[in-house]
Amino acid sequence: MKTILLIEDNDDMRENTTEILELDNYNVIAAPNGKIGVELAQKNKVDLIICDVMMPVLDGYGVLHLLSKSPETASIPFIFLTAKAERNDFRKGMEMGADDYITKPFDDIELLNAVQSRLKKNELLRVEFSKNIEGLDEFFSEVKNLEDLAKLSNDRKTKNYKKKESVFSEDSYPNGIYFINKGKVKTFKTNTDGKEFITGLHKEGDFIGYLALLEESKYNESAATLEDSEICLISKDDFFTLIYKNSEVSKKFIKMLSDNLAEKEEALLKLAYNSVRKRVAEALITLKNRYQKDDDKNFSMSISREDLSNMAGTSPETAIRTLSDFKEEKLIEIHGGNITILNSDKLSKLKN
């Protein structure tokens, strides 16, 4: 049974609306003002919020503002109730993140249709899809059923890339975002001398190249495969349809952006203050954390010494000497280009 939080200061309106919703098998939690409504939303698992705009203590806009600041309540579908139908009120509510608007007086069918529509949409957006091409197709298939996402295209291009093949290049303009269906990809920046610094490691289920698209600018880094990979290009139009029309998708990309920023800030600190020995060890641990599968006892991966040195911010020669030291200390094994981590705990705890 779905739980709806109803915030309404008018006693008769609150009781009548509660009765309508309960007759349709919804569990209703009622609040007489915005302050109590916010407290109830924070304490209870709520599937949808219906909130009056004009209320004492805390109005509907204040309720929406407070709830949108918390990750636990920000994604709850939010419907405004109001006796005012002016365009400015609609615009203000929608700009703040409201999902719908119902103008008083309303009949029971209008109310129930709005509730059902918002709950259905939210359920579709919360579904966890597989992180592969089938899951991506399933996701697009589901969101196509939503009225405001009806124009998504079917002509996404999937391409097979060889190891070390370029996916996109720094200073070029994006025409979509890339979804990694299979394989491993690095993103990197190159200085005037042609020296690379790896800025990110990506695997199947990841999106890459979306920052430049969001900024409507050139790529500020390049991307190339670390092994044979299968990558899907999602068109620019599809991407912006998802971002601008779908609040759940936009929140996911915002989270990805914030996570990427935090990771890069930490990497810069380590590059500035850690010894070469510790940086190489951390590069190995980063590879393990990023690419190890659940059923792997010891992590093993083929990676070029050049790529490893570009991750650690050192020369290939220095990286090779450090790897030899780690091998003698029985922290890793080396077979050709393949590195196997034997003692990740000790590697991660190496002192500067």
Protein backbone atom coordinates (compact mmCIF):
# COMPACT_ATOMS: atom_id res chain seq x y z
CA MET A 1 0.00 0.00 0.00
CA LYS A 2 1.37 3.40 -1.02
CA THR A 3 1.68 6.11 1.63
CA ILE A 4 0.70 9.68 0.81
CA LEU A 5 1.53 12.67 2.97
CA LEU A 6 -1.23 15.31 2.77
CA ILE A 7 -0.32 18.79 4.03
CA GLU A 8 -3.41 21.02 4.19
CA ASP A 9 -4.38 23.65 6.77
CA ASN A 10 -8.11 23.68 5.96
CA ASP A 11 -9.78 21.03 8.14
CA ASP A 12 -12.65 20.24 5.76
CA MET A 13 -10.39 20.06 2.71
CA ARG A 14 -7.90 17.85 4.59
CA GLU A 15 -10.62 15.44 5.76
CA ASN A 16 -12.35 15.24 2.37
CA THR A 17 -9.10 14.67 0.48
CA THR A 18 -7.99 12.04 2.99
CA GLU A 19 -11.29 10.20 2.56
CA ILE A 20 -11.00 10.17 -1.23
CA LEU A 21 -7.45 8.80 -1.10
CA GLU A 22 -8.24 6.17 1.53
CA LEU A 23 -11.21 4.92 -0.49
CA ASP A 24 -8.73 4.22 -3.29
CA ASN A 25 -6.57 2.13 -0.92
CA TYR A 26 -3.88 4.69 -0.12
CA ASN A 27 -2.45 5.06 3.36
CA VAL A 28 -2.72 8.78 4.24
CA ILE A 29 -0.67 10.73 6.77
CA ALA A 30 -2.21 14.17 7.31
CA ALA A 31 -0.53 17.35 8.55
CA PRO A 32 -2.32 20.64 9.41
CA ASN A 33 0.62 22.88 8.45
CA GLY A 34 3.93 22.90 6.60
CA LYS A 35 6.19 22.60 9.64
CA ILE A 36 4.49 19.42 10.85
CA GLY A 37 4.41 18.15 7.26
CA VAL A 38 8.20 18.45 6.90
CA GLU A 39 8.70 16.63 10.19
CA LEU A 40 6.38 13.80 9.10
CA ALA A 41 8.12 13.49 5.73
CA GLN A 42 11.47 13.12 7.47
CA LYS A 43 10.19 10.49 9.94
CA ASN A 44 8.06 8.34 7.63
CA LYS A 45 8.58 6.44 4.40
CA VAL A 46 6.40 8.48 2.04
CA ASP A 47 5.67 7.64 -1.61
CA LEU A 48 4.06 10.96 -2.59
CA ILE A 49 3.35 14.38 -1.06
CA ILE A 50 0.26 16.51 -1.71
CA CYS A 51 0.72 19.99 -0.28
CA ASP A 52 -1.33 23.17 -0.12
CA VAL A 53 0.49 26.32 -1.22
CA MET A 54 -1.01 29.00 1.06
CA MET A 55 -0.57 27.93 4.71
CA PRO A 56 0.41 29.56 8.00
CA VAL A 57 3.70 28.73 9.78
CA LEU A 58 5.35 27.39 6.59
CA ASP A 59 3.82 27.64 3.12
CA GLY A 60 4.02 25.01 0.36
CA TYR A 61 7.02 26.61 -1.32
CA GLY A 62 8.90 26.50 1.99
CA VAL A 63 7.99 22.83 2.42
CA LEU A 64 9.26 21.95 -1.05
CA HIS A 65 12.45 23.95 -0.51
CA LEU A 66 13.28 22.20 2.78
CA LEU A 67 12.49 18.71 1.48
CA SER A 68 14.53 19.23 -1.70
CA LYS A 69 17.66 19.86 0.39
CA SER A 70 17.66 16.35 1.88
CA PRO A 71 18.64 13.28 -0.23
CA GLU A 72 16.08 11.19 1.67
CA THR A 73 13.13 13.40 0.66
CA ALA A 74 14.27 15.22 -2.48
CA SER A 75 13.05 12.53 -4.88
CA ILE A 76 9.54 12.12 -3.40
CA PRO A 77 6.93 13.12 -6.02
CA PHE A 78 5.37 16.45 -5.00
CA ILE A 79 1.94 17.77 -6.01
CA PHE A 80 0.77 21.28 -5.09
CA LEU A 81 -2.84 22.05 -4.14
CA THR A 82 -3.93 25.64 -4.58
CA ALA A 83 -6.94 27.81 -5.12
CA LYS A 84 -4.79 30.18 -7.17
CA ALA A 85 -4.42 29.38 -10.84
CA GLU A 86 -2.26 32.28 -12.00
CA ARG A 87 0.55 31.38 -14.37
CA ASN A 88 3.25 32.78 -12.08
CA ASP A 89 2.27 30.35 -9.33
CA PHE A 90 2.49 27.40 -11.72
CA ARG A 91 5.87 28.56 -12.97
CA LYS A 92 7.31 29.14 -9.49
CA GLY A 93 6.24 25.71 -8.28
CA MET A 94 7.60 23.89 -11.32
CA GLU A 95 10.90 25.80 -11.23
CA MET A 96 11.34 24.71 -7.62
CA GLY A 97 10.85 21.06 -8.59
CA ALA A 98 7.15 20.32 -8.10
CA ASP A 99 5.88 17.43 -10.22
CA ASP A 100 2.27 18.57 -10.66
CA TYR A 101 -0.32 21.19 -9.75
CA ILE A 102 -4.00 20.66 -8.88
CA THR A 103 -6.25 23.70 -8.67
CA LYS A 104 -9.08 23.85 -6.14
CA PRO A 105 -11.88 22.97 -6.47
CA PHE A 106 -11.12 19.55 -7.96
CA ASP A 107 -13.11 16.32 -8.25
CA ASP A 108 -12.04 12.92 -6.99
CA ILE A 109 -11.17 11.58 -10.47
CA GLU A 110 -8.84 14.51 -11.18
CA LEU A 111 -7.07 13.98 -7.85
CA LEU A 112 -6.73 10.20 -8.20
CA ASN A 113 -5.53 10.42 -11.82
CA ALA A 114 -2.80 12.89 -10.82
CA VAL A 115 -1.71 10.69 -7.91
CA GLN A 116 -1.66 7.51 -10.00
CA SER A 117 0.25 9.19 -12.81
CA ARG A 118 2.98 10.54 -10.51
CA LEU A 119 3.37 7.29 -8.60
CA LYS A 120 3.65 5.30 -11.83
CA LYS A 121 6.24 7.67 -13.23
CA ASN A 122 8.28 7.53 -10.05
CA GLU A 123 8.22 3.73 -10.00
CA LEU A 124 9.54 3.59 -13.57
CA LEU A 125 12.39 5.94 -12.75
CA ARG A 126 13.39 4.02 -9.64
CA VAL A 127 13.74 0.67 -11.39
CA GLU A 128 17.31 -0.64 -11.28
CA PHE A 129 18.32 -1.70 -14.79
CA SER A 130 21.21 -3.95 -15.69
CA LYS A 131 24.43 -2.09 -16.47
CA ASN A 132 24.72 -3.41 -20.00
CA ILE A 133 23.26 -2.68 -23.42
CA GLU A 134 20.12 -4.71 -22.66
CA GLY A 135 19.60 -2.74 -19.46
CA LEU A 136 20.09 0.53 -21.34
CA ASP A 137 17.54 -0.53 -23.95
CA GLU A 138 15.15 -1.52 -21.16
CA PHE A 139 15.59 1.87 -19.52
CA PHE A 140 14.92 3.76 -22.75
CA SER A 141 11.94 1.51 -23.44
CA GLU A 142 10.44 2.33 -20.04
CA VAL A 143 10.97 6.08 -20.20
CA LYS A 144 9.50 6.19 -23.70
CA ASN A 145 6.17 5.29 -22.10
CA LEU A 146 6.17 8.62 -20.28
CA GLU A 147 4.40 11.39 -22.15
CA ASP A 148 7.15 13.97 -21.72
CA LEU A 149 9.83 11.54 -22.99
CA ALA A 150 7.99 10.28 -26.06
CA LYS A 151 10.52 11.50 -28.63
CA LEU A 152 13.57 9.44 -27.65
CA SER A 153 15.21 7.96 -30.74
CA ASN A 154 16.01 4.33 -31.49
CA ASP A 155 19.14 4.83 -33.60
CA ARG A 156 21.83 4.63 -30.90
CA LYS A 157 25.09 3.54 -32.44
CA THR A 158 27.16 0.76 -30.86
CA LYS A 159 30.77 0.39 -31.94
CA ASN A 160 33.49 -2.15 -31.19
CA TYR A 161 36.83 -0.56 -30.22
CA LYS A 162 40.23 -2.23 -30.25
CA LYS A 163 42.62 -1.88 -27.31
CA LYS A 164 44.23 1.61 -27.16
CA GLU A 165 41.73 2.99 -29.69
CA SER A 166 40.55 6.58 -29.20
CA VAL A 167 36.93 7.13 -28.18
CA PHE A 168 37.02 10.93 -28.18
CA SER A 169 39.75 13.56 -28.18
CA GLU A 170 40.51 16.65 -26.14
CA ASP A 171 39.37 19.94 -27.79
CA SER A 172 36.85 18.19 -30.05
CA TYR A 173 33.11 18.90 -29.74
CA PRO A 174 30.73 16.22 -28.41
CA ASN A 175 27.69 15.03 -30.35
CA GLY A 176 26.47 12.68 -27.62
CA ILE A 177 27.54 10.75 -24.54
CA TYR A 178 29.14 7.33 -24.42
CA PHE A 179 27.87 4.28 -22.53
CA ILE A 180 30.38 1.46 -21.94
CA ASN A 181 28.65 -1.85 -22.56
CA LYS A 182 31.81 -3.97 -22.35
CA GLY A 183 35.46 -3.26 -21.62
CA LYS A 184 37.63 -0.72 -19.82
CA VAL A 185 38.29 2.91 -20.74
CA LYS A 186 40.67 5.58 -19.45
CA THR A 187 40.20 9.33 -19.64
CA PHE A 188 43.34 11.45 -19.71
CA LYS A 189 44.83 14.88 -20.33
CA THR A 190 47.95 15.56 -22.39
CA ASN A 191 50.45 18.38 -21.86
CA THR A 192 52.37 20.27 -24.54
CA ASP A 193 55.15 17.66 -24.45
CA GLY A 194 52.69 14.86 -25.14
CA LYS A 195 52.86 13.51 -21.58
CA GLU A 196 49.62 11.90 -20.39
CA PHE A 197 47.99 12.06 -16.97
CA ILE A 198 45.10 9.64 -16.45
CA THR A 199 42.12 11.45 -14.95
CA GLY A 200 39.67 8.56 -14.69
CA LEU A 201 39.12 4.82 -15.07
CA HIS A 202 35.79 3.53 -16.38
CA LYS A 203 34.16 0.13 -16.85
CA GLU A 204 30.99 -1.45 -18.22
CA GLY A 205 27.86 0.37 -17.09
CA ASP A 206 29.60 3.78 -16.94
CA PHE A 207 28.79 6.94 -18.89
CA ILE A 208 31.65 9.11 -20.16
CA GLY A 209 31.86 12.40 -22.02
CA TYR A 210 28.77 13.98 -20.45
CA LEU A 211 30.50 16.93 -18.75
CA ALA A 212 31.41 18.62 -22.05
CA LEU A 213 27.86 18.08 -23.28
CA LEU A 214 26.38 19.65 -20.15
CA GLU A 215 28.76 22.62 -20.42
CA GLU A 216 28.19 22.84 -24.20
CA SER A 217 31.95 23.04 -24.62
CA LYS A 218 34.83 21.08 -26.10
CA TYR A 219 36.11 17.96 -24.35
CA ASN A 220 38.72 18.93 -21.75
CA GLU A 221 40.16 15.40 -21.76
CA SER A 222 40.52 12.44 -24.09
CA ALA A 223 39.28 8.87 -23.78
CA ALA A 224 40.80 5.63 -25.05
CA THR A 225 40.23 1.94 -24.41
CA LEU A 226 42.42 -0.13 -22.10
CA GLU A 227 41.17 -3.34 -23.74
CA ASP A 228 38.82 -4.35 -26.55
CA SER A 229 35.53 -2.65 -25.73
CA GLU A 230 31.95 -2.21 -26.91
CA ILE A 231 30.65 1.35 -26.53
CA CYS A 232 27.27 2.87 -27.32
CA LEU A 233 26.82 6.48 -28.42
CA ILE A 234 23.64 8.13 -27.09
CA SER A 235 22.63 11.09 -29.20
CA LYS A 236 22.80 14.64 -27.90
CA ASP A 237 19.03 15.07 -28.28
CA ASP A 238 18.27 11.91 -26.29
CA PHE A 239 20.63 12.99 -23.53
CA PHE A 240 19.17 16.47 -23.13
CA THR A 241 15.64 15.07 -23.23
CA LEU A 242 16.52 12.87 -20.29
CA ILE A 243 18.32 15.61 -18.37
CA TYR A 244 15.78 18.40 -18.80
CA LYS A 245 12.56 16.38 -18.71
CA ASN A 246 13.44 13.79 -16.07
CA SER A 247 14.39 14.95 -12.58
CA GLU A 248 15.53 11.49 -11.43
CA VAL A 249 17.98 11.14 -14.33
CA SER A 250 19.33 14.67 -13.83
CA LYS A 251 19.92 13.90 -10.13
CA LYS A 252 21.87 10.78 -11.09
CA PHE A 253 24.17 12.78 -13.37
CA ILE A 254 24.61 15.47 -10.70
CA LYS A 255 25.65 12.72 -8.27
CA MET A 256 28.08 11.34 -10.85
CA LEU A 257 29.56 14.82 -11.35
CA SER A 258 30.01 15.39 -7.61
CA ASP A 259 31.59 11.94 -7.16
CA ASN A 260 33.99 12.59 -10.04
CA LEU A 261 34.97 15.97 -8.59
CA ALA A 262 35.66 14.46 -5.17
CA GLU A 263 37.76 11.68 -6.71
CA LYS A 264 39.83 14.13 -8.77
CA GLU A 265 40.42 16.44 -5.79
CA GLU A 266 41.69 13.48 -3.76
CA ALA A 267 43.90 12.34 -6.65
CA LEU A 268 45.48 15.80 -6.93
CA LEU A 269 46.26 15.86 -3.20
CA LYS A 270 47.90 12.45 -3.40
CA LEU A 271 49.88 13.47 -6.48
CA ALA A 272 51.13 16.59 -4.70
CA TYR A 273 52.12 15.07 -1.36
CA ASN A 274 52.69 11.30 -1.72
CA SER A 275 55.97 9.61 -2.59
CA VAL A 276 56.40 7.83 -5.92
CA ARG A 277 56.34 4.45 -4.15
CA LYS A 278 53.01 5.25 -2.49
CA ARG A 279 51.54 6.73 -5.69
CA VAL A 280 52.32 3.54 -7.66
CA ALA A 281 50.81 1.45 -4.86
CA GLU A 282 47.68 3.61 -4.87
CA ALA A 283 47.43 3.31 -8.66
CA LEU A 284 47.37 -0.48 -8.28
CA ILE A 285 44.74 -0.28 -5.53
CA THR A 286 42.65 2.08 -7.70
CA LEU A 287 42.73 -0.47 -10.53
CA LYS A 288 41.72 -3.22 -8.11
CA ASN A 289 38.84 -1.21 -6.61
CA ARG A 290 37.61 -0.21 -10.03
CA TYR A 291 37.87 -3.45 -11.96
CA GLN A 292 37.96 -6.42 -9.56
CA LYS A 293 35.00 -8.74 -9.91
CA ASP A 294 33.24 -10.21 -6.89
CA ASP A 295 34.41 -13.77 -7.60
CA ASP A 296 38.10 -12.83 -8.06
CA LYS A 297 40.31 -14.07 -5.21
CA ASN A 298 43.34 -12.04 -6.32
CA PHE A 299 42.98 -9.10 -8.66
CA SER A 300 44.89 -9.45 -11.92
CA MET A 301 44.97 -7.09 -14.90
CA SER A 302 47.02 -6.45 -18.01
CA ILE A 303 48.06 -2.79 -18.07
CA SER A 304 50.92 -1.07 -19.86
CA ARG A 305 53.69 0.40 -17.72
CA GLU A 306 53.08 3.69 -19.50
CA ASP A 307 49.43 3.78 -18.42
CA LEU A 308 50.39 2.85 -14.86
CA SER A 309 53.02 5.60 -14.74
CA ASN A 310 50.47 8.08 -16.14
CA MET A 311 48.14 7.18 -13.29
CA ALA A 312 50.89 7.63 -10.70
CA GLY A 313 52.30 10.81 -12.25
CA THR A 314 55.80 9.45 -12.76
CA SER A 315 58.02 8.12 -15.56
CA PRO A 316 57.63 4.58 -16.96
CA GLU A 317 61.17 3.77 -15.84
CA THR A 318 60.41 4.76 -12.25
CA ALA A 319 57.13 2.82 -12.31
CA ILE A 320 58.95 -0.30 -13.56
CA ARG A 321 61.59 -0.05 -10.79
CA THR A 322 58.87 0.39 -8.16
CA LEU A 323 56.96 -2.62 -9.50
CA SER A 324 60.14 -4.69 -9.26
CA ASP A 325 60.47 -3.66 -5.61
CA PHE A 326 56.86 -4.66 -4.95
CA LYS A 327 57.50 -8.04 -6.62
CA GLU A 328 60.53 -8.70 -4.40
CA GLU A 329 58.45 -7.80 -1.35
CA LYS A 330 55.81 -10.33 -2.55
CA LEU A 331 53.13 -7.67 -2.80
CA ILE A 332 52.49 -8.43 -6.47
CA GLU A 333 53.31 -10.94 -9.20
CA ILE A 334 54.26 -9.94 -12.74
CA HIS A 335 53.80 -12.11 -15.84
CA GLY A 336 54.50 -10.16 -19.00
CA GLY A 337 52.12 -7.21 -19.02
CA ASN A 338 49.88 -8.81 -16.39
CA ILE A 339 50.05 -7.65 -12.75
CA THR A 340 48.48 -9.70 -9.93
CA ILE A 341 48.02 -8.10 -6.51
CA LEU A 342 48.92 -10.53 -3.72
CA ASN A 343 48.67 -8.26 -0.68
CA SER A 344 46.30 -5.35 -1.28
CA ASP A 345 46.08 -4.55 2.45
CA LYS A 346 49.80 -3.91 2.73
CA LEU A 347 49.86 -1.97 -0.55
CA SER A 348 47.07 0.33 0.62
CA LYS A 349 48.82 0.98 3.96
CA LEU A 350 52.29 1.77 2.59
CA LYS A 351 53.82 4.79 4.29
CA ASN A 352 55.19 7.77 2.42
